[in-house]
């Protein structure tokens, strides 16, 4: 299944979502520029400087730039598929979460989910000397919020059956729940190998999703209380 868009309009412009998508794409464009002009060595040096490396962070926690890497790593991506998938999910689901929280709270929510996701991945793999990068932890937090706020929202989805593509609308909770189950299953099967081989940070996805679900609970409770109050009037 490949989500294309949701049928869940917003009440206004969601400029923080646009800004986050644009920032990630701009940084990736700079990464491509580095690879074209400086070659793989320049690209690797850039990632080495700004990705989050648990071992380096623990060893050099007093260095100012090291403290920035949990944030800067959220805007780095390894390849086009990596950034494309993350930005597609952020574009589809982020605008409604921003619409509910407002731009300032949404930005804080997004960054908090990304930081918690990084902490979860580090807790699962230990202080390994492997760079962590990507927006997927923060985007997972957006999915955690969306499934609680808008579980019945319809999502236009491309379903691949061998080579046939069928466009169908599926409830958001189905798509997001399947995604989360896949992350748990993949994380459990990869446990013990991620530390030595790198790869997909499944525990960052799980941690980010859980963080988003937990952080959005006050807004969800407020919505339910408002709905009940309106029904009593």
C-alpha atoms as a PDB file:
ATOM      1  CA  UNK A   1       0.000   0.000   0.000  1.00  0.00           C
ATOM      2  CA  UNK A   2       1.202   3.472  -0.907  1.00  0.00           C
ATOM      3  CA  UNK A   3      -0.725   6.482   0.515  1.00  0.00           C
ATOM      4  CA  UNK A   4      -1.224   9.368  -1.892  1.00  0.00           C
ATOM      5  CA  UNK A   5      -3.352  11.916  -0.014  1.00  0.00           C
ATOM      6  CA  UNK A   6      -5.948  12.123   2.732  1.00  0.00           C
ATOM      7  CA  UNK A   7      -9.493  13.412   2.456  1.00  0.00           C
ATOM      8  CA  UNK A   8      -9.207  15.596   5.538  1.00  0.00           C
ATOM      9  CA  UNK A   9      -9.189  19.336   4.743  1.00  0.00           C
ATOM     10  CA  UNK A  10      -7.562  21.888   7.023  1.00  0.00           C
ATOM     11  CA  UNK A  11      -9.025  25.174   8.203  1.00  0.00           C
ATOM     12  CA  UNK A  12      -6.108  27.255   6.927  1.00  0.00           C
ATOM     13  CA  UNK A  13      -2.568  27.247   5.599  1.00  0.00           C
ATOM     14  CA  UNK A  14      -0.217  24.904   7.457  1.00  0.00           C
ATOM     15  CA  UNK A  15       3.021  26.741   6.838  1.00  0.00           C
ATOM     16  CA  UNK A  16       5.156  24.877   9.390  1.00  0.00           C
ATOM     17  CA  UNK A  17       4.492  21.610   7.544  1.00  0.00           C
ATOM     18  CA  UNK A  18       5.454  23.335   4.302  1.00  0.00           C
ATOM     19  CA  UNK A  19       8.562  24.780   5.963  1.00  0.00           C
ATOM     20  CA  UNK A  20       9.638  21.405   7.334  1.00  0.00           C
ATOM     21  CA  UNK A  21       9.151  19.696   3.991  1.00  0.00           C
ATOM     22  CA  UNK A  22      10.980  22.499   2.204  1.00  0.00           C
ATOM     23  CA  UNK A  23      13.863  22.464   4.705  1.00  0.00           C
ATOM     24  CA  UNK A  24      14.362  18.717   4.388  1.00  0.00           C
ATOM     25  CA  UNK A  25      14.308  18.901   0.602  1.00  0.00           C
ATOM     26  CA  UNK A  26      16.699  21.865   0.607  1.00  0.00           C
ATOM     27  CA  UNK A  27      19.199  20.024   2.808  1.00  0.00           C
ATOM     28  CA  UNK A  28      18.928  16.959   0.605  1.00  0.00           C
ATOM     29  CA  UNK A  29      19.528  19.161  -2.422  1.00  0.00           C
ATOM     30  CA  UNK A  30      22.719  20.380  -0.752  1.00  0.00           C
ATOM     31  CA  UNK A  31      23.739  16.773  -0.114  1.00  0.00           C
ATOM     32  CA  UNK A  32      23.314  16.026  -3.811  1.00  0.00           C
ATOM     33  CA  UNK A  33      25.352  19.130  -4.627  1.00  0.00           C
ATOM     34  CA  UNK A  34      28.146  17.906  -2.349  1.00  0.00           C
ATOM     35  CA  UNK A  35      28.178  14.514  -4.030  1.00  0.00           C
ATOM     36  CA  UNK A  36      28.313  16.069  -7.505  1.00  0.00           C
ATOM     37  CA  UNK A  37      30.980  18.657  -6.722  1.00  0.00           C
ATOM     38  CA  UNK A  38      33.008  16.981  -3.995  1.00  0.00           C
ATOM     39  CA  UNK A  39      32.321  13.305  -4.518  1.00  0.00           C
ATOM     40  CA  UNK A  40      31.411  10.638  -1.954  1.00  0.00           C
ATOM     41  CA  UNK A  41      34.114  11.838   0.446  1.00  0.00           C
ATOM     42  CA  UNK A  42      32.545  15.309   0.780  1.00  0.00           C
ATOM     43  CA  UNK A  43      29.098  13.798   1.279  1.00  0.00           C
ATOM     44  CA  UNK A  44      30.390  11.371   3.920  1.00  0.00           C
ATOM     45  CA  UNK A  45      32.203  14.176   5.759  1.00  0.00           C
ATOM     46  CA  UNK A  46      29.014  16.261   5.848  1.00  0.00           C
ATOM     47  CA  UNK A  47      26.991  13.380   7.282  1.00  0.00           C
ATOM     48  CA  UNK A  48      29.757  12.565   9.746  1.00  0.00           C
ATOM     49  CA  UNK A  49      29.685  16.134  11.042  1.00  0.00           C
ATOM     50  CA  UNK A  50      25.923  16.580  11.383  1.00  0.00           C
ATOM     51  CA  UNK A  51      24.384  13.109  11.868  1.00  0.00           C
ATOM     52  CA  UNK A  52      23.830  11.864  15.416  1.00  0.00           C
ATOM     53  CA  UNK A  53      26.474   9.356  16.433  1.00  0.00           C
ATOM     54  CA  UNK A  54      25.756   7.901  19.909  1.00  0.00           C
ATOM     55  CA  UNK A  55      29.369   6.969  20.610  1.00  0.00           C
ATOM     56  CA  UNK A  56      30.729  10.336  19.529  1.00  0.00           C
ATOM     57  CA  UNK A  57      27.986  12.144  21.446  1.00  0.00           C
ATOM     58  CA  UNK A  58      28.872  10.293  24.649  1.00  0.00           C
ATOM     59  CA  UNK A  59      32.586  10.832  24.157  1.00  0.00           C
ATOM     60  CA  UNK A  60      32.409  14.513  23.272  1.00  0.00           C
ATOM     61  CA  UNK A  61      29.306  15.743  25.054  1.00  0.00           C
ATOM     62  CA  UNK A  62      31.128  18.957  25.955  1.00  0.00           C
ATOM     63  CA  UNK A  63      31.530  20.040  22.327  1.00  0.00           C
ATOM     64  CA  UNK A  64      28.804  22.515  21.264  1.00  0.00           C
ATOM     65  CA  UNK A  65      28.347  21.079  17.760  1.00  0.00           C
ATOM     66  CA  UNK A  66      27.803  17.572  19.122  1.00  0.00           C
ATOM     67  CA  UNK A  67      24.826  18.827  21.116  1.00  0.00           C
ATOM     68  CA  UNK A  68      23.266  20.071  17.869  1.00  0.00           C
ATOM     69  CA  UNK A  69      23.436  16.714  16.093  1.00  0.00           C
ATOM     70  CA  UNK A  70      20.209  15.270  17.618  1.00  0.00           C
ATOM     71  CA  UNK A  71      18.418  18.157  15.866  1.00  0.00           C
ATOM     72  CA  UNK A  72      20.462  18.464  12.685  1.00  0.00           C
ATOM     73  CA  UNK A  73      20.274  14.714  12.052  1.00  0.00           C
ATOM     74  CA  UNK A  74      16.502  15.062  11.659  1.00  0.00           C
ATOM     75  CA  UNK A  75      17.032  17.017   8.421  1.00  0.00           C
ATOM     76  CA  UNK A  76      19.563  14.653   6.813  1.00  0.00           C
ATOM     77  CA  UNK A  77      18.698  11.751   4.509  1.00  0.00           C
ATOM     78  CA  UNK A  78      20.726   9.020   2.895  1.00  0.00           C
ATOM     79  CA  UNK A  79      19.069   8.934  -0.531  1.00  0.00           C
ATOM     80  CA  UNK A  80      16.068  10.022  -2.606  1.00  0.00           C
ATOM     81  CA  UNK A  81      13.848   7.160  -1.457  1.00  0.00           C
ATOM     82  CA  UNK A  82      14.624   7.980   2.170  1.00  0.00           C
ATOM     83  CA  UNK A  83      13.722  11.667   1.937  1.00  0.00           C
ATOM     84  CA  UNK A  84      10.850  11.070  -0.505  1.00  0.00           C
ATOM     85  CA  UNK A  85       9.058   8.587   1.730  1.00  0.00           C
ATOM     86  CA  UNK A  86       9.438  10.710   4.844  1.00  0.00           C
ATOM     87  CA  UNK A  87       8.271  13.893   3.156  1.00  0.00           C
ATOM     88  CA  UNK A  88       5.288  12.169   1.553  1.00  0.00           C
ATOM     89  CA  UNK A  89       4.033  10.980   4.941  1.00  0.00           C
ATOM     90  CA  UNK A  90       4.741  14.378   6.528  1.00  0.00           C
ATOM     91  CA  UNK A  91       2.901  16.157   3.713  1.00  0.00           C
ATOM     92  CA  UNK A  92      -0.149  13.880   3.922  1.00  0.00           C
ATOM     93  CA  UNK A  93      -0.551  13.667   7.691  1.00  0.00           C
ATOM     94  CA  UNK A  94       1.366  16.615   9.139  1.00  0.00           C
ATOM     95  CA  UNK A  95      -0.938  19.399   7.959  1.00  0.00           C
ATOM     96  CA  UNK A  96      -3.933  18.143   9.947  1.00  0.00           C
ATOM     97  CA  UNK A  97      -1.912  17.700  13.127  1.00  0.00           C
ATOM     98  CA  UNK A  98      -0.549  21.216  12.678  1.00  0.00           C
ATOM     99  CA  UNK A  99      -4.074  22.470  12.021  1.00  0.00           C
ATOM    100  CA  UNK A 100      -5.145  21.032  15.381  1.00  0.00           C
ATOM    101  CA  UNK A 101      -2.134  22.195  17.417  1.00  0.00           C
ATOM    102  CA  UNK A 102      -1.280  25.467  15.726  1.00  0.00           C
ATOM    103  CA  UNK A 103       2.082  26.264  14.121  1.00  0.00           C
ATOM    104  CA  UNK A 104       4.209  26.918  17.231  1.00  0.00           C
ATOM    105  CA  UNK A 105       2.974  23.925  19.224  1.00  0.00           C
ATOM    106  CA  UNK A 106       3.223  21.697  16.153  1.00  0.00           C
ATOM    107  CA  UNK A 107       6.866  22.645  15.589  1.00  0.00           C
ATOM    108  CA  UNK A 108       7.657  21.874  19.225  1.00  0.00           C
ATOM    109  CA  UNK A 109       5.707  18.620  18.959  1.00  0.00           C
ATOM    110  CA  UNK A 110       7.553  17.577  15.802  1.00  0.00           C
ATOM    111  CA  UNK A 111      11.011  18.293  17.205  1.00  0.00           C
ATOM    112  CA  UNK A 112      10.185  16.622  20.532  1.00  0.00           C
ATOM    113  CA  UNK A 113       9.057  13.464  18.746  1.00  0.00           C
ATOM    114  CA  UNK A 114      12.270  13.429  16.735  1.00  0.00           C
ATOM    115  CA  UNK A 115      14.426  13.796  19.836  1.00  0.00           C
ATOM    116  CA  UNK A 116      12.531  11.101  21.718  1.00  0.00           C
ATOM    117  CA  UNK A 117      12.852   8.823  18.683  1.00  0.00           C
ATOM    118  CA  UNK A 118      16.625   9.317  18.698  1.00  0.00           C
ATOM    119  CA  UNK A 119      16.737   8.515  22.410  1.00  0.00           C
ATOM    120  CA  UNK A 120      14.672   5.357  21.848  1.00  0.00           C
ATOM    121  CA  UNK A 121      16.981   4.151  19.086  1.00  0.00           C
ATOM    122  CA  UNK A 122      20.035   4.818  21.243  1.00  0.00           C
ATOM    123  CA  UNK A 123      18.467   2.968  24.180  1.00  0.00           C
ATOM    124  CA  UNK A 124      17.800  -0.035  21.937  1.00  0.00           C
ATOM    125  CA  UNK A 125      21.201  -0.214  20.223  1.00  0.00           C
ATOM    126  CA  UNK A 126      23.509   1.302  22.831  1.00  0.00           C
ATOM    127  CA  UNK A 127      26.345   3.779  22.282  1.00  0.00           C
ATOM    128  CA  UNK A 128      27.346   2.420  18.894  1.00  0.00           C
ATOM    129  CA  UNK A 129      29.607   4.291  16.494  1.00  0.00           C
ATOM    130  CA  UNK A 130      26.962   4.557  13.763  1.00  0.00           C
ATOM    131  CA  UNK A 131      25.403   7.780  12.496  1.00  0.00           C
ATOM    132  CA  UNK A 132      21.637   8.149  12.847  1.00  0.00           C
ATOM    133  CA  UNK A 133      19.878  10.422  10.405  1.00  0.00           C
ATOM    134  CA  UNK A 134      16.462  11.088   8.916  1.00  0.00           C
ATOM    135  CA  UNK A 135      13.100  12.643   9.737  1.00  0.00           C
ATOM    136  CA  UNK A 136      11.359   9.292  10.159  1.00  0.00           C
ATOM    137  CA  UNK A 137      11.265   9.430  13.974  1.00  0.00           C
ATOM    138  CA  UNK A 138       9.580  12.832  13.960  1.00  0.00           C
ATOM    139  CA  UNK A 139       7.242  11.786  11.132  1.00  0.00           C
ATOM    140  CA  UNK A 140       6.351   8.661  13.116  1.00  0.00           C
ATOM    141  CA  UNK A 141       5.278  11.007  15.915  1.00  0.00           C
ATOM    142  CA  UNK A 142       2.970  12.750  13.460  1.00  0.00           C
ATOM    143  CA  UNK A 143       1.442   9.375  12.578  1.00  0.00           C
ATOM    144  CA  UNK A 144       0.948   8.594  16.266  1.00  0.00           C
ATOM    145  CA  UNK A 145      -0.957  11.847  16.686  1.00  0.00           C
ATOM    146  CA  UNK A 146      -2.971  11.420  13.497  1.00  0.00           C
ATOM    147  CA  UNK A 147      -4.241   7.929  14.330  1.00  0.00           C
ATOM    148  CA  UNK A 148      -5.650   9.265  17.607  1.00  0.00           C
ATOM    149  CA  UNK A 149      -7.082  12.528  16.285  1.00  0.00           C
ATOM    150  CA  UNK A 150      -8.405  11.374  12.892  1.00  0.00           C
ATOM    151  CA  UNK A 151      -8.700   7.569  12.854  1.00  0.00           C
ATOM    152  CA  UNK A 152     -11.640   7.570  10.423  1.00  0.00           C
ATOM    153  CA  UNK A 153     -10.184  10.026   7.919  1.00  0.00           C
ATOM    154  CA  UNK A 154     -10.085   8.490   4.463  1.00  0.00           C
ATOM    155  CA  UNK A 155      -6.729   8.127   2.715  1.00  0.00           C
ATOM    156  CA  UNK A 156      -6.452   7.619  -1.034  1.00  0.00           C
ATOM    157  CA  UNK A 157      -4.071   4.691  -1.356  1.00  0.00           C
ATOM    158  CA  UNK A 158      -2.412   2.857  -4.207  1.00  0.00           C
ATOM    159  CA  UNK A 159      -2.676  -0.872  -3.566  1.00  0.00           C
ATOM    160  CA  UNK A 160      -0.275  -3.033  -5.560  1.00  0.00           C
ATOM    161  CA  UNK A 161      -1.548  -6.498  -6.483  1.00  0.00           C
ATOM    162  CA  UNK A 162       1.319  -8.108  -8.391  1.00  0.00           C
ATOM    163  CA  UNK A 163       1.584  -5.538 -11.222  1.00  0.00           C
ATOM    164  CA  UNK A 164      -1.935  -4.109 -11.006  1.00  0.00           C
ATOM    165  CA  UNK A 165      -2.444  -0.823  -9.187  1.00  0.00           C
ATOM    166  CA  UNK A 166      -5.838  -0.181  -7.598  1.00  0.00           C
ATOM    167  CA  UNK A 167      -6.713   3.208  -6.092  1.00  0.00           C
ATOM    168  CA  UNK A 168      -8.876   2.859  -2.996  1.00  0.00           C
ATOM    169  CA  UNK A 169      -9.747   4.953   0.044  1.00  0.00           C
ATOM    170  CA  UNK A 170      -8.811   3.343   3.338  1.00  0.00           C
ATOM    171  CA  UNK A 171      -9.375   4.601   6.897  1.00  0.00           C
ATOM    172  CA  UNK A 172      -6.272   6.277   8.271  1.00  0.00           C
ATOM    173  CA  UNK A 173      -6.154   3.994  11.298  1.00  0.00           C
ATOM    174  CA  UNK A 174      -5.761   0.928   9.062  1.00  0.00           C
ATOM    175  CA  UNK A 175      -2.786   2.344   7.145  1.00  0.00           C
ATOM    176  CA  UNK A 176      -1.047   3.736  10.215  1.00  0.00           C
ATOM    177  CA  UNK A 177      -1.722   0.650  12.362  1.00  0.00           C
ATOM    178  CA  UNK A 178      -0.287  -1.625   9.659  1.00  0.00           C
ATOM    179  CA  UNK A 179       2.750   0.636   9.377  1.00  0.00           C
ATOM    180  CA  UNK A 180       3.287   0.507  13.154  1.00  0.00           C
ATOM    181  CA  UNK A 181       2.923  -3.274  13.346  1.00  0.00           C
ATOM    182  CA  UNK A 182       5.494  -3.572  10.555  1.00  0.00           C
ATOM    183  CA  UNK A 183       7.914  -1.374  12.506  1.00  0.00           C
ATOM    184  CA  UNK A 184       7.530  -3.510  15.629  1.00  0.00           C
ATOM    185  CA  UNK A 185       7.973  -6.764  13.708  1.00  0.00           C
ATOM    186  CA  UNK A 186      10.974  -5.425  11.799  1.00  0.00           C
ATOM    187  CA  UNK A 187      12.504  -3.979  14.955  1.00  0.00           C
ATOM    188  CA  UNK A 188      12.213  -7.264  16.826  1.00  0.00           C
ATOM    189  CA  UNK A 189      13.704  -9.284  13.977  1.00  0.00           C
ATOM    190  CA  UNK A 190      16.581  -6.815  13.540  1.00  0.00           C
ATOM    191  CA  UNK A 191      17.335  -6.507  17.240  1.00  0.00           C
ATOM    192  CA  UNK A 192      20.982  -7.309  17.889  1.00  0.00           C
ATOM    193  CA  UNK A 193      22.055  -6.719  14.289  1.00  0.00           C
ATOM    194  CA  UNK A 194      21.312  -2.989  14.006  1.00  0.00           C
ATOM    195  CA  UNK A 195      24.168  -2.100  16.307  1.00  0.00           C
ATOM    196  CA  UNK A 196      26.749  -3.727  14.088  1.00  0.00           C
ATOM    197  CA  UNK A 197      25.253  -3.260  10.649  1.00  0.00           C
ATOM    198  CA  UNK A 198      23.319  -0.003  10.771  1.00  0.00           C
ATOM    199  CA  UNK A 199      20.269   0.077   8.496  1.00  0.00           C
ATOM    200  CA  UNK A 200      16.725   1.229   9.226  1.00  0.00           C
ATOM    201  CA  UNK A 201      16.234   2.697  12.708  1.00  0.00           C
ATOM    202  CA  UNK A 202      13.052   0.810  13.559  1.00  0.00           C
ATOM    203  CA  UNK A 203      13.234   1.653  17.251  1.00  0.00           C
ATOM    204  CA  UNK A 204      13.335   5.339  16.370  1.00  0.00           C
ATOM    205  CA  UNK A 205      10.097   4.814  14.453  1.00  0.00           C
ATOM    206  CA  UNK A 206       8.521   3.010  17.392  1.00  0.00           C
ATOM    207  CA  UNK A 207       9.725   5.578  19.907  1.00  0.00           C
ATOM    208  CA  UNK A 208       8.631   8.502  17.765  1.00  0.00           C
ATOM    209  CA  UNK A 209       5.183   6.990  17.218  1.00  0.00           C
ATOM    210  CA  UNK A 210       4.705   6.363  20.944  1.00  0.00           C
ATOM    211  CA  UNK A 211       5.861   9.900  21.718  1.00  0.00           C
ATOM    212  CA  UNK A 212       3.424  11.427  19.239  1.00  0.00           C
ATOM    213  CA  UNK A 213       0.559   9.330  20.578  1.00  0.00           C
ATOM    214  CA  UNK A 214       1.337  10.338  24.175  1.00  0.00           C
ATOM    215  CA  UNK A 215       1.989  14.024  23.483  1.00  0.00           C
ATOM    216  CA  UNK A 216      -1.272  14.474  21.567  1.00  0.00           C
ATOM    217  CA  UNK A 217      -3.398  12.970  24.357  1.00  0.00           C
ATOM    218  CA  UNK A 218      -4.178  16.349  26.014  1.00  0.00           C
ATOM    219  CA  UNK A 219      -5.511  17.703  22.714  1.00  0.00           C
ATOM    220  CA  UNK A 220      -7.522  14.527  22.162  1.00  0.00           C
ATOM    221  CA  UNK A 221      -9.065  14.713  25.637  1.00  0.00           C
ATOM    222  CA  UNK A 222      -9.861  18.403  25.078  1.00  0.00           C
ATOM    223  CA  UNK A 223     -11.626  17.568  21.805  1.00  0.00           C
ATOM    224  CA  UNK A 224     -13.693  14.857  23.481  1.00  0.00           C
ATOM    225  CA  UNK A 225     -14.649  17.156  26.354  1.00  0.00           C
ATOM    226  CA  UNK A 226     -15.659  19.875  23.899  1.00  0.00           C
ATOM    227  CA  UNK A 227     -17.777  17.423  21.925  1.00  0.00           C
ATOM    228  CA  UNK A 228     -19.548  16.192  25.060  1.00  0.00           C
ATOM    229  CA  UNK A 229     -20.181  19.735  26.266  1.00  0.00           C
ATOM    230  CA  UNK A 230     -21.681  20.681  22.903  1.00  0.00           C
ATOM    231  CA  UNK A 231     -23.956  17.622  23.033  1.00  0.00           C
ATOM    232  CA  UNK A 232     -25.239  18.573  26.485  1.00  0.00           C
ATOM    233  CA  UNK A 233     -26.144  22.121  25.474  1.00  0.00           C
END
